[in-house]
PDB file of N, CA and C in Angstrom:
ATOM      1  N   UNK A   1      55.461  15.393  54.182  1.00  0.00           N
ATOM      2  CA  UNK A   1      54.998  16.603  53.388  1.00  0.00           C
ATOM      3  C   UNK A   1      54.873  18.167  54.357  1.00  0.00           C
ATOM      4  N   UNK A   2      54.385  17.971  55.043  1.00  0.00           N
ATOM      5  CA  UNK A   2      54.063  18.822  55.960  1.00  0.00           C
ATOM      6  C   UNK A   2      55.073  19.729  57.141  1.00  0.00           C
ATOM      7  N   UNK A   3      56.181  19.231  57.074  1.00  0.00           N
ATOM      8  CA  UNK A   3      57.277  19.570  57.841  1.00  0.00           C
ATOM      9  C   UNK A   3      58.251  20.320  56.205  1.00  0.00           C
ATOM     10  N   UNK A   4      57.789  20.465  55.115  1.00  0.00           N
ATOM     11  CA  UNK A   4      58.481  20.895  54.007  1.00  0.00           C
ATOM     12  C   UNK A   4      58.240  22.529  53.554  1.00  0.00           C
ATOM     13  N   UNK A   5      58.992  23.249  53.398  1.00  0.00           N
ATOM     14  CA  UNK A   5      58.540  23.951  53.129  1.00  0.00           C
ATOM     15  C   UNK A   5      59.380  24.643  51.648  1.00  0.00           C
ATOM     16  N   UNK A   6      58.218  25.935  50.742  1.00  0.00           N
ATOM     17  CA  UNK A   6      58.872  26.095  49.360  1.00  0.00           C
ATOM     18  C   UNK A   6      59.980  26.685  50.015  1.00  0.00           C
ATOM     19  N   UNK A   7      60.849  26.736  48.816  1.00  0.00           N
ATOM     20  CA  UNK A   7      62.180  27.674  48.590  1.00  0.00           C
ATOM     21  C   UNK A   7      62.248  27.640  47.250  1.00  0.00           C
ATOM     22  N   UNK A   8      62.986  28.568  46.637  1.00  0.00           N
ATOM     23  CA  UNK A   8      63.150  29.118  45.162  1.00  0.00           C
ATOM     24  C   UNK A   8      64.865  29.035  44.790  1.00  0.00           C
ATOM     25  N   UNK A   9      65.377  28.653  43.848  1.00  0.00           N
ATOM     26  CA  UNK A   9      66.732  28.900  43.662  1.00  0.00           C
ATOM     27  C   UNK A   9      67.331  29.250  42.058  1.00  0.00           C
ATOM     28  N   UNK A  10      68.464  30.092  41.873  1.00  0.00           N
ATOM     29  CA  UNK A  10      68.628  29.812  40.895  1.00  0.00           C
ATOM     30  C   UNK A  10      69.885  29.258  40.696  1.00  0.00           C
ATOM     31  N   UNK A  11      70.242  28.720  39.252  1.00  0.00           N
ATOM     32  CA  UNK A  11      72.245  28.948  39.199  1.00  0.00           C
ATOM     33  C   UNK A  11      72.404  29.797  38.643  1.00  0.00           C
ATOM     34  N   UNK A  12      74.034  30.062  38.877  1.00  0.00           N
ATOM     35  CA  UNK A  12      74.766  31.171  38.975  1.00  0.00           C
ATOM     36  C   UNK A  12      75.889  30.623  37.942  1.00  0.00           C
ATOM     37  N   UNK A  13      75.524  31.681  36.102  1.00  0.00           N
ATOM     38  CA  UNK A  13      76.324  31.386  35.625  1.00  0.00           C
ATOM     39  C   UNK A  13      77.208  32.332  34.925  1.00  0.00           C
ATOM     40  N   UNK A  14      78.658  31.701  34.649  1.00  0.00           N
ATOM     41  CA  UNK A  14      79.611  32.637  34.170  1.00  0.00           C
ATOM     42  C   UNK A  14      79.967  32.251  32.375  1.00  0.00           C
ATOM     43  N   UNK A  15      79.770  33.953  32.062  1.00  0.00           N
ATOM     44  CA  UNK A  15      79.747  34.262  31.002  1.00  0.00           C
ATOM     45  C   UNK A  15      80.715  35.040  30.462  1.00  0.00           C
ATOM     46  N   UNK A  16      81.702  34.377  30.071  1.00  0.00           N
ATOM     47  CA  UNK A  16      83.341  34.954  29.657  1.00  0.00           C
ATOM     48  C   UNK A  16      83.213  36.083  28.733  1.00  0.00           C
ATOM     49  N   UNK A  17      82.032  35.703  27.583  1.00  0.00           N
ATOM     50  CA  UNK A  17      82.241  36.563  26.426  1.00  0.00           C
ATOM     51  C   UNK A  17      80.899  36.276  26.159  1.00  0.00           C
ATOM     52  N   UNK A  18      79.677  37.852  26.720  1.00  0.00           N
ATOM     53  CA  UNK A  18      78.753  37.747  26.390  1.00  0.00           C
ATOM     54  C   UNK A  18      78.096  37.774  25.306  1.00  0.00           C
ATOM     55  N   UNK A  19      79.276  38.174  23.766  1.00  0.00           N
ATOM     56  CA  UNK A  19      78.615  37.981  22.641  1.00  0.00           C
ATOM     57  C   UNK A  19      78.722  37.101  22.333  1.00  0.00           C
ATOM     58  N   UNK A  20      79.184  35.761  22.619  1.00  0.00           N
ATOM     59  CA  UNK A  20      79.199  34.859  21.983  1.00  0.00           C
ATOM     60  C   UNK A  20      78.076  34.066  23.061  1.00  0.00           C
ATOM     61  N   UNK A  21      77.720  34.159  23.979  1.00  0.00           N
ATOM     62  CA  UNK A  21      76.464  33.396  24.713  1.00  0.00           C
ATOM     63  C   UNK A  21      76.591  32.257  25.760  1.00  0.00           C
ATOM     64  N   UNK A  22      78.237  31.766  25.501  1.00  0.00           N
ATOM     65  CA  UNK A  22      78.705  30.367  26.216  1.00  0.00           C
ATOM     66  C   UNK A  22      78.511  30.784  27.751  1.00  0.00           C
ATOM     67  N   UNK A  23      78.026  29.724  28.713  1.00  0.00           N
ATOM     68  CA  UNK A  23      78.553  29.893  29.790  1.00  0.00           C
ATOM     69  C   UNK A  23      78.887  28.645  30.661  1.00  0.00           C
ATOM     70  N   UNK A  24      79.219  28.561  31.611  1.00  0.00           N
ATOM     71  CA  UNK A  24      79.097  27.344  32.312  1.00  0.00           C
ATOM     72  C   UNK A  24      78.939  28.061  33.913  1.00  0.00           C
ATOM     73  N   UNK A  25      78.395  26.778  34.778  1.00  0.00           N
ATOM     74  CA  UNK A  25      77.667  27.166  35.963  1.00  0.00           C
ATOM     75  C   UNK A  25      78.698  27.247  36.906  1.00  0.00           C
ATOM     76  N   UNK A  26      78.829  28.330  37.811  1.00  0.00           N
ATOM     77  CA  UNK A  26      79.679  28.509  39.107  1.00  0.00           C
ATOM     78  C   UNK A  26      79.275  28.843  40.514  1.00  0.00           C
ATOM     79  N   UNK A  27      77.700  28.419  40.452  1.00  0.00           N
ATOM     80  CA  UNK A  27      77.165  28.399  41.737  1.00  0.00           C
ATOM     81  C   UNK A  27      75.678  28.154  41.568  1.00  0.00           C
ATOM     82  N   UNK A  28      75.162  28.186  43.403  1.00  0.00           N
ATOM     83  CA  UNK A  28      73.635  28.176  43.109  1.00  0.00           C
ATOM     84  C   UNK A  28      73.131  29.794  44.380  1.00  0.00           C
ATOM     85  N   UNK A  29      72.076  30.387  44.095  1.00  0.00           N
ATOM     86  CA  UNK A  29      71.658  30.703  45.085  1.00  0.00           C
ATOM     87  C   UNK A  29      69.959  30.313  45.673  1.00  0.00           C
ATOM     88  N   UNK A  30      69.637  30.273  47.076  1.00  0.00           N
ATOM     89  CA  UNK A  30      68.329  29.895  47.502  1.00  0.00           C
ATOM     90  C   UNK A  30      67.688  30.778  48.417  1.00  0.00           C
ATOM     91  N   UNK A  31      66.401  30.480  48.097  1.00  0.00           N
ATOM     92  CA  UNK A  31      65.887  31.392  48.995  1.00  0.00           C
ATOM     93  C   UNK A  31      64.736  30.791  49.388  1.00  0.00           C
ATOM     94  N   UNK A  32      64.741  31.179  51.262  1.00  0.00           N
ATOM     95  CA  UNK A  32      63.529  30.113  51.865  1.00  0.00           C
ATOM     96  C   UNK A  32      62.473  31.057  52.538  1.00  0.00           C
ATOM     97  N   UNK A  33      61.680  31.877  51.908  1.00  0.00           N
ATOM     98  CA  UNK A  33      60.881  32.567  52.799  1.00  0.00           C
ATOM     99  C   UNK A  33      60.822  32.330  54.097  1.00  0.00           C
ATOM    100  N   UNK A  34      60.146  31.338  54.433  1.00  0.00           N
ATOM    101  CA  UNK A  34      59.506  30.509  56.128  1.00  0.00           C
ATOM    102  C   UNK A  34      61.016  30.536  56.640  1.00  0.00           C
ATOM    103  N   UNK A  35      61.818  30.150  56.380  1.00  0.00           N
ATOM    104  CA  UNK A  35      63.009  30.088  56.921  1.00  0.00           C
ATOM    105  C   UNK A  35      64.087  31.487  57.259  1.00  0.00           C
ATOM    106  N   UNK A  36      63.612  32.547  56.311  1.00  0.00           N
ATOM    107  CA  UNK A  36      64.399  33.930  56.716  1.00  0.00           C
ATOM    108  C   UNK A  36      65.475  33.049  55.777  1.00  0.00           C
ATOM    109  N   UNK A  37      66.021  32.446  55.055  1.00  0.00           N
ATOM    110  CA  UNK A  37      67.193  32.568  54.498  1.00  0.00           C
ATOM    111  C   UNK A  37      67.356  32.698  53.141  1.00  0.00           C
ATOM    112  N   UNK A  38      68.606  32.655  52.693  1.00  0.00           N
ATOM    113  CA  UNK A  38      68.867  33.261  51.438  1.00  0.00           C
ATOM    114  C   UNK A  38      70.647  33.209  51.336  1.00  0.00           C
ATOM    115  N   UNK A  39      71.182  32.254  50.439  1.00  0.00           N
ATOM    116  CA  UNK A  39      72.450  31.557  50.250  1.00  0.00           C
ATOM    117  C   UNK A  39      73.063  31.498  49.556  1.00  0.00           C
ATOM    118  N   UNK A  40      74.309  31.734  48.989  1.00  0.00           N
ATOM    119  CA  UNK A  40      74.591  31.384  48.000  1.00  0.00           C
ATOM    120  C   UNK A  40      76.069  31.073  48.104  1.00  0.00           C
ATOM    121  N   UNK A  41      76.472  29.856  46.623  1.00  0.00           N
ATOM    122  CA  UNK A  41      77.669  29.150  46.831  1.00  0.00           C
ATOM    123  C   UNK A  41      78.421  29.202  45.553  1.00  0.00           C
ATOM    124  N   UNK A  42      79.454  29.288  45.844  1.00  0.00           N
ATOM    125  CA  UNK A  42      80.228  29.470  44.197  1.00  0.00           C
ATOM    126  C   UNK A  42      81.528  28.775  44.390  1.00  0.00           C
ATOM    127  N   UNK A  43      82.349  28.359  43.057  1.00  0.00           N
ATOM    128  CA  UNK A  43      83.243  27.743  42.955  1.00  0.00           C
ATOM    129  C   UNK A  43      83.619  28.017  41.429  1.00  0.00           C
ATOM    130  N   UNK A  44      84.681  28.601  41.162  1.00  0.00           N
ATOM    131  CA  UNK A  44      84.939  28.712  39.800  1.00  0.00           C
ATOM    132  C   UNK A  44      86.334  27.759  39.388  1.00  0.00           C
ATOM    133  N   UNK A  45      85.924  27.060  38.599  1.00  0.00           N
ATOM    134  CA  UNK A  45      86.530  26.150  37.938  1.00  0.00           C
ATOM    135  C   UNK A  45      87.708  26.442  36.801  1.00  0.00           C
ATOM    136  N   UNK A  46      88.794  26.567  37.633  1.00  0.00           N
ATOM    137  CA  UNK A  46      89.805  27.769  36.653  1.00  0.00           C
ATOM    138  C   UNK A  46      90.247  26.624  35.375  1.00  0.00           C
ATOM    139  N   UNK A  47      90.508  25.537  35.126  1.00  0.00           N
ATOM    140  CA  UNK A  47      90.145  25.005  34.068  1.00  0.00           C
ATOM    141  C   UNK A  47      89.375  25.137  32.913  1.00  0.00           C
ATOM    142  N   UNK A  48      88.214  25.214  33.355  1.00  0.00           N
ATOM    143  CA  UNK A  48      86.906  25.663  32.062  1.00  0.00           C
ATOM    144  C   UNK A  48      87.131  26.986  32.257  1.00  0.00           C
ATOM    145  N   UNK A  49      87.276  27.395  32.839  1.00  0.00           N
ATOM    146  CA  UNK A  49      87.922  29.455  32.304  1.00  0.00           C
ATOM    147  C   UNK A  49      88.636  29.351  31.691  1.00  0.00           C
ATOM    148  N   UNK A  50      89.663  28.695  31.494  1.00  0.00           N
ATOM    149  CA  UNK A  50      90.933  29.328  30.824  1.00  0.00           C
ATOM    150  C   UNK A  50      90.531  28.486  29.530  1.00  0.00           C
ATOM    151  N   UNK A  51      90.052  27.383  29.198  1.00  0.00           N
ATOM    152  CA  UNK A  51      88.733  26.827  27.942  1.00  0.00           C
ATOM    153  C   UNK A  51      88.397  27.940  27.364  1.00  0.00           C
ATOM    154  N   UNK A  52      87.585  28.902  28.243  1.00  0.00           N
ATOM    155  CA  UNK A  52      86.250  29.311  27.664  1.00  0.00           C
ATOM    156  C   UNK A  52      86.564  30.896  27.107  1.00  0.00           C
ATOM    157  N   UNK A  53      87.938  31.445  28.331  1.00  0.00           N
ATOM    158  CA  UNK A  53      89.003  32.896  27.837  1.00  0.00           C
ATOM    159  C   UNK A  53      90.087  32.504  28.767  1.00  0.00           C
ATOM    160  N   UNK A  54      91.000  32.781  27.652  1.00  0.00           N
ATOM    161  CA  UNK A  54      92.136  33.317  28.050  1.00  0.00           C
ATOM    162  C   UNK A  54      92.405  34.605  29.326  1.00  0.00           C
ATOM    163  N   UNK A  55      92.051  35.518  28.425  1.00  0.00           N
ATOM    164  CA  UNK A  55      92.018  37.093  28.947  1.00  0.00           C
ATOM    165  C   UNK A  55      91.400  37.472  29.624  1.00  0.00           C
ATOM    166  N   UNK A  56      90.469  36.515  30.830  1.00  0.00           N
ATOM    167  CA  UNK A  56      89.890  37.021  31.991  1.00  0.00           C
ATOM    168  C   UNK A  56      90.547  37.551  33.069  1.00  0.00           C
ATOM    169  N   UNK A  57      90.009  38.120  33.925  1.00  0.00           N
ATOM    170  CA  UNK A  57      90.425  38.683  35.203  1.00  0.00           C
ATOM    171  C   UNK A  57      89.543  38.158  36.579  1.00  0.00           C
ATOM    172  N   UNK A  58      90.225  37.197  36.744  1.00  0.00           N
ATOM    173  CA  UNK A  58      89.994  35.751  37.790  1.00  0.00           C
ATOM    174  C   UNK A  58      89.675  36.687  39.016  1.00  0.00           C
ATOM    175  N   UNK A  59      90.412  37.238  39.302  1.00  0.00           N
ATOM    176  CA  UNK A  59      90.123  38.169  40.390  1.00  0.00           C
ATOM    177  C   UNK A  59      88.937  39.522  40.115  1.00  0.00           C
ATOM    178  N   UNK A  60      88.591  39.662  39.102  1.00  0.00           N
ATOM    179  CA  UNK A  60      87.699  40.837  39.162  1.00  0.00           C
ATOM    180  C   UNK A  60      86.211  40.079  39.720  1.00  0.00           C
ATOM    181  N   UNK A  61      86.499  38.663  38.765  1.00  0.00           N
ATOM    182  CA  UNK A  61      85.195  37.785  38.858  1.00  0.00           C
ATOM    183  C   UNK A  61      84.968  37.638  40.557  1.00  0.00           C
ATOM    184  N   UNK A  62      86.016  36.917  41.164  1.00  0.00           N
ATOM    185  CA  UNK A  62      85.836  37.148  42.734  1.00  0.00           C
ATOM    186  C   UNK A  62      84.911  38.443  43.521  1.00  0.00           C
ATOM    187  N   UNK A  63      85.555  39.520  42.834  1.00  0.00           N
ATOM    188  CA  UNK A  63      85.542  40.304  43.806  1.00  0.00           C
ATOM    189  C   UNK A  63      83.565  40.301  43.546  1.00  0.00           C
ATOM    190  N   UNK A  64      83.416  40.421  42.060  1.00  0.00           N
ATOM    191  CA  UNK A  64      81.463  40.721  41.830  1.00  0.00           C
ATOM    192  C   UNK A  64      80.998  39.274  42.471  1.00  0.00           C
ATOM    193  N   UNK A  65      81.635  37.957  42.842  1.00  0.00           N
ATOM    194  CA  UNK A  65      81.107  37.217  43.597  1.00  0.00           C
ATOM    195  C   UNK A  65      80.599  37.545  44.973  1.00  0.00           C
ATOM    196  N   UNK A  66      81.482  37.819  45.310  1.00  0.00           N
ATOM    197  CA  UNK A  66      82.341  38.055  46.890  1.00  0.00           C
ATOM    198  C   UNK A  66      81.278  39.881  46.991  1.00  0.00           C
ATOM    199  N   UNK A  67      80.676  40.157  46.158  1.00  0.00           N
ATOM    200  CA  UNK A  67      79.748  41.426  46.394  1.00  0.00           C
ATOM    201  C   UNK A  67      78.018  40.711  46.450  1.00  0.00           C
ATOM    202  N   UNK A  68      77.996  39.305  45.627  1.00  0.00           N
ATOM    203  CA  UNK A  68      76.615  38.515  45.621  1.00  0.00           C
ATOM    204  C   UNK A  68      77.123  37.972  47.222  1.00  0.00           C
ATOM    205  N   UNK A  69      78.127  37.845  48.154  1.00  0.00           N
ATOM    206  CA  UNK A  69      77.330  37.168  49.365  1.00  0.00           C
ATOM    207  C   UNK A  69      76.986  38.227  50.061  1.00  0.00           C
ATOM    208  N   UNK A  70      77.687  39.567  49.998  1.00  0.00           N
ATOM    209  CA  UNK A  70      77.458  40.800  50.985  1.00  0.00           C
ATOM    210  C   UNK A  70      76.094  40.977  50.879  1.00  0.00           C
ATOM    211  N   UNK A  71      75.513  41.103  49.588  1.00  0.00           N
ATOM    212  CA  UNK A  71      73.714  41.158  49.703  1.00  0.00           C
ATOM    213  C   UNK A  71      73.145  39.791  49.805  1.00  0.00           C
ATOM    214  N   UNK A  72      73.149  39.061  49.389  1.00  0.00           N
ATOM    215  CA  UNK A  72      72.506  37.746  50.403  1.00  0.00           C
ATOM    216  C   UNK A  72      72.869  37.859  51.608  1.00  0.00           C
ATOM    217  N   UNK A  73      73.661  38.435  52.583  1.00  0.00           N
ATOM    218  CA  UNK A  73      73.920  38.374  53.801  1.00  0.00           C
ATOM    219  C   UNK A  73      73.334  39.673  54.618  1.00  0.00           C
ATOM    220  N   UNK A  74      72.919  40.599  53.666  1.00  0.00           N
ATOM    221  CA  UNK A  74      72.479  41.370  53.917  1.00  0.00           C
ATOM    222  C   UNK A  74      73.274  42.955  54.392  1.00  0.00           C
ATOM    223  N   UNK A  75      74.225  42.729  54.923  1.00  0.00           N
ATOM    224  CA  UNK A  75      75.687  43.221  55.089  1.00  0.00           C
ATOM    225  C   UNK A  75      75.461  44.646  54.904  1.00  0.00           C
ATOM    226  N   UNK A  76      76.287  45.363  55.620  1.00  0.00           N
ATOM    227  CA  UNK A  76      76.437  47.248  55.340  1.00  0.00           C
ATOM    228  C   UNK A  76      77.137  47.208  53.689  1.00  0.00           C
ATOM    229  N   UNK A  77      78.301  46.620  54.072  1.00  0.00           N
ATOM    230  CA  UNK A  77      79.008  46.606  52.640  1.00  0.00           C
ATOM    231  C   UNK A  77      78.404  46.112  51.113  1.00  0.00           C
ATOM    232  N   UNK A  78      76.961  45.286  51.357  1.00  0.00           N
ATOM    233  CA  UNK A  78      76.175  45.099  50.270  1.00  0.00           C
ATOM    234  C   UNK A  78      75.721  46.460  49.654  1.00  0.00           C
ATOM    235  N   UNK A  79      75.670  47.848  50.520  1.00  0.00           N
ATOM    236  CA  UNK A  79      75.515  48.604  49.407  1.00  0.00           C
ATOM    237  C   UNK A  79      73.699  48.688  49.987  1.00  0.00           C
ATOM    238  N   UNK A  80      72.974  49.580  49.156  1.00  0.00           N
ATOM    239  CA  UNK A  80      71.866  49.763  49.123  1.00  0.00           C
ATOM    240  C   UNK A  80      71.179  48.097  48.954  1.00  0.00           C
ATOM    241  N   UNK A  81      71.151  47.502  47.676  1.00  0.00           N
ATOM    242  CA  UNK A  81      70.845  46.537  47.709  1.00  0.00           C
ATOM    243  C   UNK A  81      71.220  45.197  48.745  1.00  0.00           C
ATOM    244  N   UNK A  82      71.961  45.574  49.632  1.00  0.00           N
ATOM    245  CA  UNK A  82      72.140  44.742  50.564  1.00  0.00           C
ATOM    246  C   UNK A  82      71.035  45.109  51.783  1.00  0.00           C
ATOM    247  N   UNK A  83      70.480  46.148  51.656  1.00  0.00           N
ATOM    248  CA  UNK A  83      69.842  46.667  52.992  1.00  0.00           C
ATOM    249  C   UNK A  83      68.817  46.494  52.263  1.00  0.00           C
ATOM    250  N   UNK A  84      68.061  46.080  51.036  1.00  0.00           N
ATOM    251  CA  UNK A  84      66.880  45.219  50.661  1.00  0.00           C
ATOM    252  C   UNK A  84      66.146  44.227  51.844  1.00  0.00           C
ATOM    253  N   UNK A  85      65.067  43.897  51.859  1.00  0.00           N
ATOM    254  CA  UNK A  85      64.921  42.765  52.307  1.00  0.00           C
ATOM    255  C   UNK A  85      64.864  41.624  52.103  1.00  0.00           C
ATOM    256  N   UNK A  86      64.821  40.612  52.593  1.00  0.00           N
ATOM    257  CA  UNK A  86      65.079  39.040  51.786  1.00  0.00           C
ATOM    258  C   UNK A  86      64.554  38.834  50.638  1.00  0.00           C
ATOM    259  N   UNK A  87      63.301  38.904  50.203  1.00  0.00           N
ATOM    260  CA  UNK A  87      62.669  38.688  48.780  1.00  0.00           C
ATOM    261  C   UNK A  87      63.289  39.844  47.618  1.00  0.00           C
ATOM    262  N   UNK A  88      63.678  41.212  48.020  1.00  0.00           N
ATOM    263  CA  UNK A  88      63.710  41.940  47.127  1.00  0.00           C
ATOM    264  C   UNK A  88      65.974  41.869  46.617  1.00  0.00           C
ATOM    265  N   UNK A  89      66.428  41.299  47.724  1.00  0.00           N
ATOM    266  CA  UNK A  89      68.108  41.183  47.372  1.00  0.00           C
ATOM    267  C   UNK A  89      67.781  39.562  46.761  1.00  0.00           C
ATOM    268  N   UNK A  90      66.922  38.844  46.758  1.00  0.00           N
ATOM    269  CA  UNK A  90      67.137  37.697  45.648  1.00  0.00           C
ATOM    270  C   UNK A  90      66.282  37.826  44.151  1.00  0.00           C
ATOM    271  N   UNK A  91      65.314  38.735  44.264  1.00  0.00           N
ATOM    272  CA  UNK A  91      65.005  38.952  43.340  1.00  0.00           C
ATOM    273  C   UNK A  91      65.479  39.533  42.649  1.00  0.00           C
ATOM    274  N   UNK A  92      66.639  40.924  42.991  1.00  0.00           N
ATOM    275  CA  UNK A  92      67.370  41.670  42.773  1.00  0.00           C
ATOM    276  C   UNK A  92      68.683  40.817  41.923  1.00  0.00           C
ATOM    277  N   UNK A  93      69.370  40.231  42.574  1.00  0.00           N
ATOM    278  CA  UNK A  93      70.579  38.994  42.424  1.00  0.00           C
ATOM    279  C   UNK A  93      70.407  38.120  41.186  1.00  0.00           C
ATOM    280  N   UNK A  94      68.810  37.493  40.797  1.00  0.00           N
ATOM    281  CA  UNK A  94      68.467  36.661  40.173  1.00  0.00           C
ATOM    282  C   UNK A  94      67.780  37.527  39.064  1.00  0.00           C
ATOM    283  N   UNK A  95      67.889  38.877  38.862  1.00  0.00           N
ATOM    284  CA  UNK A  95      67.435  39.354  37.381  1.00  0.00           C
ATOM    285  C   UNK A  95      67.934  39.258  36.453  1.00  0.00           C
ATOM    286  N   UNK A  96      67.372  38.832  35.258  1.00  0.00           N
ATOM    287  CA  UNK A  96      67.518  39.223  33.961  1.00  0.00           C
ATOM    288  C   UNK A  96      68.831  39.908  33.911  1.00  0.00           C
ATOM    289  N   UNK A  97      69.943  39.613  33.455  1.00  0.00           N
ATOM    290  CA  UNK A  97      71.387  40.660  32.976  1.00  0.00           C
ATOM    291  C   UNK A  97      72.131  39.622  31.957  1.00  0.00           C
ATOM    292  N   UNK A  98      72.627  41.483  31.444  1.00  0.00           N
ATOM    293  CA  UNK A  98      73.639  40.659  30.230  1.00  0.00           C
ATOM    294  C   UNK A  98      75.223  40.940  30.562  1.00  0.00           C
ATOM    295  N   UNK A  99      75.421  40.784  32.120  1.00  0.00           N
ATOM    296  CA  UNK A  99      77.101  40.724  32.021  1.00  0.00           C
ATOM    297  C   UNK A  99      77.585  39.428  32.333  1.00  0.00           C
ATOM    298  N   UNK A 100      79.051  39.577  32.830  1.00  0.00           N
ATOM    299  CA  UNK A 100      78.983  38.251  32.493  1.00  0.00           C
ATOM    300  C   UNK A 100      79.300  37.167  33.753  1.00  0.00           C
ATOM    301  N   UNK A 101      78.459  37.797  34.844  1.00  0.00           N
ATOM    302  CA  UNK A 101      77.535  36.721  35.762  1.00  0.00           C
ATOM    303  C   UNK A 101      75.989  37.010  35.439  1.00  0.00           C
ATOM    304  N   UNK A 102      75.487  36.049  35.878  1.00  0.00           N
ATOM    305  CA  UNK A 102      74.076  35.879  35.301  1.00  0.00           C
ATOM    306  C   UNK A 102      73.858  34.696  36.239  1.00  0.00           C
ATOM    307  N   UNK A 103      72.086  34.486  36.532  1.00  0.00           N
ATOM    308  CA  UNK A 103      71.429  33.819  36.552  1.00  0.00           C
ATOM    309  C   UNK A 103      70.930  33.065  35.734  1.00  0.00           C
ATOM    310  N   UNK A 104      70.210  31.522  36.303  1.00  0.00           N
ATOM    311  CA  UNK A 104      69.640  30.772  35.473  1.00  0.00           C
ATOM    312  C   UNK A 104      68.112  31.778  35.643  1.00  0.00           C
ATOM    313  N   UNK A 105      66.917  30.929  34.842  1.00  0.00           N
ATOM    314  CA  UNK A 105      65.748  31.443  35.456  1.00  0.00           C
ATOM    315  C   UNK A 105      65.627  30.718  36.732  1.00  0.00           C
ATOM    316  N   UNK A 106      64.633  31.566  38.153  1.00  0.00           N
ATOM    317  CA  UNK A 106      64.514  30.992  39.145  1.00  0.00           C
ATOM    318  C   UNK A 106      63.078  29.650  39.090  1.00  0.00           C
ATOM    319  N   UNK A 107      63.820  28.797  40.183  1.00  0.00           N
ATOM    320  CA  UNK A 107      62.797  27.261  39.976  1.00  0.00           C
ATOM    321  C   UNK A 107      62.269  27.092  41.467  1.00  0.00           C
ATOM    322  N   UNK A 108      61.593  26.426  41.355  1.00  0.00           N
ATOM    323  CA  UNK A 108      60.988  26.260  42.911  1.00  0.00           C
ATOM    324  C   UNK A 108      60.869  24.813  43.468  1.00  0.00           C
ATOM    325  N   UNK A 109      60.911  24.995  44.848  1.00  0.00           N
ATOM    326  CA  UNK A 109      60.469  23.080  44.998  1.00  0.00           C
ATOM    327  C   UNK A 109      60.389  23.056  46.250  1.00  0.00           C
ATOM    328  N   UNK A 110      60.574  22.224  47.587  1.00  0.00           N
ATOM    329  CA  UNK A 110      59.797  21.917  48.731  1.00  0.00           C
ATOM    330  C   UNK A 110      61.417  21.027  49.585  1.00  0.00           C
ATOM    331  N   UNK A 111      61.667  21.692  50.099  1.00  0.00           N
ATOM    332  CA  UNK A 111      62.627  21.264  51.266  1.00  0.00           C
ATOM    333  C   UNK A 111      62.529  21.199  53.032  1.00  0.00           C
ATOM    334  N   UNK A 112      63.179  20.560  53.024  1.00  0.00           N
ATOM    335  CA  UNK A 112      63.108  20.620  54.841  1.00  0.00           C
ATOM    336  C   UNK A 112      64.496  21.260  55.164  1.00  0.00           C
ATOM    337  N   UNK A 113      65.545  21.739  54.730  1.00  0.00           N
ATOM    338  CA  UNK A 113      66.768  22.645  55.184  1.00  0.00           C
ATOM    339  C   UNK A 113      66.944  23.200  54.038  1.00  0.00           C
ATOM    340  N   UNK A 114      66.920  24.650  53.862  1.00  0.00           N
ATOM    341  CA  UNK A 114      67.626  25.425  52.810  1.00  0.00           C
ATOM    342  C   UNK A 114      69.051  25.510  52.506  1.00  0.00           C
ATOM    343  N   UNK A 115      69.723  25.154  53.757  1.00  0.00           N
ATOM    344  CA  UNK A 115      71.028  25.435  53.572  1.00  0.00           C
ATOM    345  C   UNK A 115      71.456  24.268  53.129  1.00  0.00           C
ATOM    346  N   UNK A 116      71.054  23.199  53.310  1.00  0.00           N
ATOM    347  CA  UNK A 116      71.453  21.510  53.070  1.00  0.00           C
ATOM    348  C   UNK A 116      70.989  22.014  51.230  1.00  0.00           C
ATOM    349  N   UNK A 117      69.656  21.824  50.839  1.00  0.00           N
ATOM    350  CA  UNK A 117      69.582  21.949  49.694  1.00  0.00           C
ATOM    351  C   UNK A 117      70.277  23.154  49.127  1.00  0.00           C
ATOM    352  N   UNK A 118      71.030  24.081  49.461  1.00  0.00           N
ATOM    353  CA  UNK A 118      71.877  25.147  48.183  1.00  0.00           C
ATOM    354  C   UNK A 118      73.175  23.928  48.553  1.00  0.00           C
ATOM    355  N   UNK A 119      73.583  23.323  49.673  1.00  0.00           N
ATOM    356  CA  UNK A 119      74.703  22.221  49.289  1.00  0.00           C
ATOM    357  C   UNK A 119      74.439  21.471  48.347  1.00  0.00           C
ATOM    358  N   UNK A 120      72.958  20.639  47.895  1.00  0.00           N
ATOM    359  CA  UNK A 120      72.845  19.581  47.657  1.00  0.00           C
ATOM    360  C   UNK A 120      72.648  20.129  45.651  1.00  0.00           C
ATOM    361  N   UNK A 121      72.076  21.099  45.697  1.00  0.00           N
ATOM    362  CA  UNK A 121      71.826  22.034  44.291  1.00  0.00           C
ATOM    363  C   UNK A 121      73.576  22.490  43.746  1.00  0.00           C
ATOM    364  N   UNK A 122      74.156  22.847  44.337  1.00  0.00           N
ATOM    365  CA  UNK A 122      75.902  23.229  43.936  1.00  0.00           C
ATOM    366  C   UNK A 122      76.302  21.960  43.564  1.00  0.00           C
ATOM    367  N   UNK A 123      76.353  21.248  44.570  1.00  0.00           N
ATOM    368  CA  UNK A 123      77.162  19.734  44.056  1.00  0.00           C
ATOM    369  C   UNK A 123      76.459  19.414  42.677  1.00  0.00           C
ATOM    370  N   UNK A 124      75.579  19.427  42.400  1.00  0.00           N
ATOM    371  CA  UNK A 124      74.821  18.555  41.379  1.00  0.00           C
ATOM    372  C   UNK A 124      74.596  19.371  39.873  1.00  0.00           C
ATOM    373  N   UNK A 125      74.668  21.046  40.103  1.00  0.00           N
ATOM    374  CA  UNK A 125      74.653  21.355  38.953  1.00  0.00           C
ATOM    375  C   UNK A 125      76.115  22.392  38.521  1.00  0.00           C
ATOM    376  N   UNK A 126      77.051  22.227  39.766  1.00  0.00           N
ATOM    377  CA  UNK A 126      77.921  22.877  39.437  1.00  0.00           C
ATOM    378  C   UNK A 126      79.310  22.092  39.377  1.00  0.00           C
ATOM    379  N   UNK A 127      79.478  21.265  40.817  1.00  0.00           N
ATOM    380  CA  UNK A 127      80.907  20.214  41.227  1.00  0.00           C
ATOM    381  C   UNK A 127      80.655  19.607  39.773  1.00  0.00           C
TER     382      UNK A 127
END
């Protein structure tokens, strides 16, 4: 148990028609302070998207998600948010919002390897 560290995570949701409140999971974001880790992983199932909404621009969705990656990586292209420190970037990305890309509430747990944990959460809740 001593080898384990605290991590926090949220599930990324796609809400094609915000006014309907329907969503499906498209990704996960994991933050582990002790390991200085912030990672995001996503995949959009086009058949699910088509079932939810036929007139959505998938390229626009991908651009939004690429921006999330830039913020996670702390890259200059991530803008002002990307320049924030790790915990602030995580909390900004997981803040409550009413756009087509949203995150679940934040959950926490213990892990040994946050990158492996990100992959595990992604496999369990997205694929």
